C-alpha atoms as a PDB file:
ATOM      1  CA  UNK A   1      -0.890 -54.533 -43.544  1.00  0.00           C
ATOM      2  CA  UNK A   2       1.533 -55.085 -46.402  1.00  0.00           C
ATOM      3  CA  UNK A   3       0.040 -52.127 -48.268  1.00  0.00           C
ATOM      4  CA  UNK A   4       0.603 -49.870 -45.245  1.00  0.00           C
ATOM      5  CA  UNK A   5       4.286 -50.900 -44.998  1.00  0.00           C
ATOM      6  CA  UNK A   6       4.729 -50.420 -48.735  1.00  0.00           C
ATOM      7  CA  UNK A   7       3.096 -47.011 -48.510  1.00  0.00           C
ATOM      8  CA  UNK A   8       5.412 -45.988 -45.652  1.00  0.00           C
ATOM      9  CA  UNK A   9       8.427 -47.231 -47.584  1.00  0.00           C
ATOM     10  CA  UNK A  10       7.405 -45.233 -50.652  1.00  0.00           C
ATOM     11  CA  UNK A  11       6.827 -42.136 -48.487  1.00  0.00           C
ATOM     12  CA  UNK A  12      10.231 -42.523 -46.892  1.00  0.00           C
ATOM     13  CA  UNK A  13      11.859 -43.014 -50.296  1.00  0.00           C
ATOM     14  CA  UNK A  14      10.156 -39.867 -51.646  1.00  0.00           C
ATOM     15  CA  UNK A  15      11.307 -37.897 -48.599  1.00  0.00           C
ATOM     16  CA  UNK A  16      14.924 -39.059 -48.995  1.00  0.00           C
ATOM     17  CA  UNK A  17      14.938 -38.192 -52.690  1.00  0.00           C
ATOM     18  CA  UNK A  18      13.560 -34.715 -52.016  1.00  0.00           C
ATOM     19  CA  UNK A  19      16.052 -34.091 -49.197  1.00  0.00           C
ATOM     20  CA  UNK A  20      18.954 -35.264 -51.340  1.00  0.00           C
ATOM     21  CA  UNK A  21      18.155 -32.530 -53.882  1.00  0.00           C
ATOM     22  CA  UNK A  22      18.175 -29.633 -51.388  1.00  0.00           C
ATOM     23  CA  UNK A  23      21.972 -29.033 -51.306  1.00  0.00           C
ATOM     24  CA  UNK A  24      22.050 -28.850 -55.085  1.00  0.00           C
ATOM     25  CA  UNK A  25      19.828 -25.771 -55.058  1.00  0.00           C
ATOM     26  CA  UNK A  26      21.947 -24.019 -52.433  1.00  0.00           C
ATOM     27  CA  UNK A  27      25.172 -24.395 -54.425  1.00  0.00           C
ATOM     28  CA  UNK A  28      24.187 -21.946 -57.181  1.00  0.00           C
ATOM     29  CA  UNK A  29      25.547 -18.405 -56.804  1.00  0.00           C
ATOM     30  CA  UNK A  30      23.056 -15.661 -56.189  1.00  0.00           C
ATOM     31  CA  UNK A  31      23.636 -12.478 -58.180  1.00  0.00           C
ATOM     32  CA  UNK A  32      24.141 -10.287 -55.107  1.00  0.00           C
ATOM     33  CA  UNK A  33      26.546 -12.603 -53.307  1.00  0.00           C
ATOM     34  CA  UNK A  34      30.214 -11.720 -53.117  1.00  0.00           C
ATOM     35  CA  UNK A  35      32.654 -14.573 -53.548  1.00  0.00           C
ATOM     36  CA  UNK A  36      36.244 -13.400 -52.851  1.00  0.00           C
ATOM     37  CA  UNK A  37      37.617 -16.050 -55.199  1.00  0.00           C
ATOM     38  CA  UNK A  38      35.472 -14.651 -58.027  1.00  0.00           C
ATOM     39  CA  UNK A  39      36.800 -11.104 -57.543  1.00  0.00           C
ATOM     40  CA  UNK A  40      39.388  -9.922 -60.068  1.00  0.00           C
ATOM     41  CA  UNK A  41      42.819  -9.983 -58.438  1.00  0.00           C
ATOM     42  CA  UNK A  42      44.305  -6.634 -57.445  1.00  0.00           C
ATOM     43  CA  UNK A  43      47.918  -5.946 -58.111  1.00  0.00           C
ATOM     44  CA  UNK A  44      50.427  -6.653 -55.366  1.00  0.00           C
ATOM     45  CA  UNK A  45      51.421  -3.002 -55.142  1.00  0.00           C
ATOM     46  CA  UNK A  46      47.801  -1.957 -54.608  1.00  0.00           C
ATOM     47  CA  UNK A  47      47.369  -4.523 -51.881  1.00  0.00           C
ATOM     48  CA  UNK A  48      50.525  -3.579 -50.026  1.00  0.00           C
ATOM     49  CA  UNK A  49      49.813   0.160 -50.334  1.00  0.00           C
ATOM     50  CA  UNK A  50      46.306  -0.323 -49.026  1.00  0.00           C
ATOM     51  CA  UNK A  51      47.388  -2.532 -46.143  1.00  0.00           C
ATOM     52  CA  UNK A  52      50.193  -0.253 -44.949  1.00  0.00           C
ATOM     53  CA  UNK A  53      49.314   2.376 -42.346  1.00  0.00           C
ATOM     54  CA  UNK A  54      50.110   6.031 -42.948  1.00  0.00           C
ATOM     55  CA  UNK A  55      53.563   6.941 -41.585  1.00  0.00           C
ATOM     56  CA  UNK A  56      55.815   9.976 -41.331  1.00  0.00           C
ATOM     57  CA  UNK A  57      59.147   9.738 -43.170  1.00  0.00           C
ATOM     58  CA  UNK A  58      61.879  12.310 -42.530  1.00  0.00           C
ATOM     59  CA  UNK A  59      64.842  12.909 -44.807  1.00  0.00           C
ATOM     60  CA  UNK A  60      66.253  14.943 -47.669  1.00  0.00           C
ATOM     61  CA  UNK A  61      64.732  15.039 -51.154  1.00  0.00           C
ATOM     62  CA  UNK A  62      67.156  14.080 -53.920  1.00  0.00           C
ATOM     63  CA  UNK A  63      66.933  13.130 -57.584  1.00  0.00           C
ATOM     64  CA  UNK A  64      68.272   9.861 -58.973  1.00  0.00           C
ATOM     65  CA  UNK A  65      70.245   9.535 -62.219  1.00  0.00           C
ATOM     66  CA  UNK A  66      67.093   8.122 -63.792  1.00  0.00           C
ATOM     67  CA  UNK A  67      65.220  11.299 -62.832  1.00  0.00           C
ATOM     68  CA  UNK A  68      63.154   9.795 -60.019  1.00  0.00           C
ATOM     69  CA  UNK A  69      62.684  11.772 -56.820  1.00  0.00           C
ATOM     70  CA  UNK A  70      64.007  10.038 -53.720  1.00  0.00           C
ATOM     71  CA  UNK A  71      63.794  10.572 -50.001  1.00  0.00           C
ATOM     72  CA  UNK A  72      67.159   9.854 -48.407  1.00  0.00           C
ATOM     73  CA  UNK A  73      66.659   9.047 -44.746  1.00  0.00           C
ATOM     74  CA  UNK A  74      69.064   9.604 -41.872  1.00  0.00           C
ATOM     75  CA  UNK A  75      69.638   5.864 -41.451  1.00  0.00           C
ATOM     76  CA  UNK A  76      70.886   5.504 -45.030  1.00  0.00           C
ATOM     77  CA  UNK A  77      67.583   4.259 -46.431  1.00  0.00           C
ATOM     78  CA  UNK A  78      66.224   5.815 -49.583  1.00  0.00           C
ATOM     79  CA  UNK A  79      62.684   5.631 -50.916  1.00  0.00           C
ATOM     80  CA  UNK A  80      61.229   6.481 -54.295  1.00  0.00           C
ATOM     81  CA  UNK A  81      58.582   9.233 -54.157  1.00  0.00           C
ATOM     82  CA  UNK A  82      55.460   9.030 -56.278  1.00  0.00           C
ATOM     83  CA  UNK A  83      54.096  12.576 -56.568  1.00  0.00           C
ATOM     84  CA  UNK A  84      56.751  14.534 -58.462  1.00  0.00           C
ATOM     85  CA  UNK A  85      54.702  17.746 -58.724  1.00  0.00           C
ATOM     86  CA  UNK A  86      54.415  17.909 -54.958  1.00  0.00           C
ATOM     87  CA  UNK A  87      58.048  16.942 -54.357  1.00  0.00           C
ATOM     88  CA  UNK A  88      59.939  19.099 -56.886  1.00  0.00           C
ATOM     89  CA  UNK A  89      59.859  22.358 -54.853  1.00  0.00           C
ATOM     90  CA  UNK A  90      61.551  20.503 -51.972  1.00  0.00           C
ATOM     91  CA  UNK A  91      64.528  19.203 -54.012  1.00  0.00           C
ATOM     92  CA  UNK A  92      67.684  19.359 -51.850  1.00  0.00           C
ATOM     93  CA  UNK A  93      65.716  20.211 -48.700  1.00  0.00           C
ATOM     94  CA  UNK A  94      64.905  18.291 -45.542  1.00  0.00           C
ATOM     95  CA  UNK A  95      61.239  17.304 -45.378  1.00  0.00           C
ATOM     96  CA  UNK A  96      58.705  15.359 -43.375  1.00  0.00           C
ATOM     97  CA  UNK A  97      56.494  13.248 -45.652  1.00  0.00           C
ATOM     98  CA  UNK A  98      53.253  11.669 -44.520  1.00  0.00           C
ATOM     99  CA  UNK A  99      52.236   8.703 -46.666  1.00  0.00           C
ATOM    100  CA  UNK A 100      52.123   4.967 -47.129  1.00  0.00           C
ATOM    101  CA  UNK A 101      55.052   2.771 -48.055  1.00  0.00           C
ATOM    102  CA  UNK A 102      54.661   0.254 -50.858  1.00  0.00           C
ATOM    103  CA  UNK A 103      57.201  -2.325 -49.714  1.00  0.00           C
ATOM    104  CA  UNK A 104      57.240  -4.184 -53.037  1.00  0.00           C
ATOM    105  CA  UNK A 105      58.481  -1.126 -54.969  1.00  0.00           C
ATOM    106  CA  UNK A 106      60.006   0.804 -52.030  1.00  0.00           C
ATOM    107  CA  UNK A 107      57.838   3.787 -53.007  1.00  0.00           C
ATOM    108  CA  UNK A 108      56.224   6.283 -50.656  1.00  0.00           C
ATOM    109  CA  UNK A 109      52.739   7.303 -51.788  1.00  0.00           C
ATOM    110  CA  UNK A 110      52.630  10.878 -50.521  1.00  0.00           C
ATOM    111  CA  UNK A 111      49.670  12.259 -48.610  1.00  0.00           C
ATOM    112  CA  UNK A 112      51.407  15.398 -47.310  1.00  0.00           C
ATOM    113  CA  UNK A 113      54.886  16.931 -47.579  1.00  0.00           C
ATOM    114  CA  UNK A 114      56.263  19.772 -45.459  1.00  0.00           C
ATOM    115  CA  UNK A 115      59.404  21.145 -43.867  1.00  0.00           C
ATOM    116  CA  UNK A 116      60.055  19.236 -40.634  1.00  0.00           C
ATOM    117  CA  UNK A 117      59.176  20.931 -37.363  1.00  0.00           C
ATOM    118  CA  UNK A 118      62.218  21.921 -35.344  1.00  0.00           C
END
């Protein structure tokens, strides 16, 4: 009888030891898994540009003293414009720009630029 109890105790002890080791195997990262904390951080401007929806901005194209192209809105707001090749022909003209606003740099990333519809 004592040998049966001892055998059960040893079996139970072996089971507990084997179960205690299971979580240790699950903690290792698999090669295909994606851990957001392990991803390289993206810049703040990339994040804000990606998270902003496309909008239409209306105003007049101007050039700053530093040579940057700006969109001066009717409400007195001005935004820096990122695609100078696309913007240059519209200097001094009213335009409608479709793009995303990077709020950290106050820059419009232009998707489309055209004369506003009347």
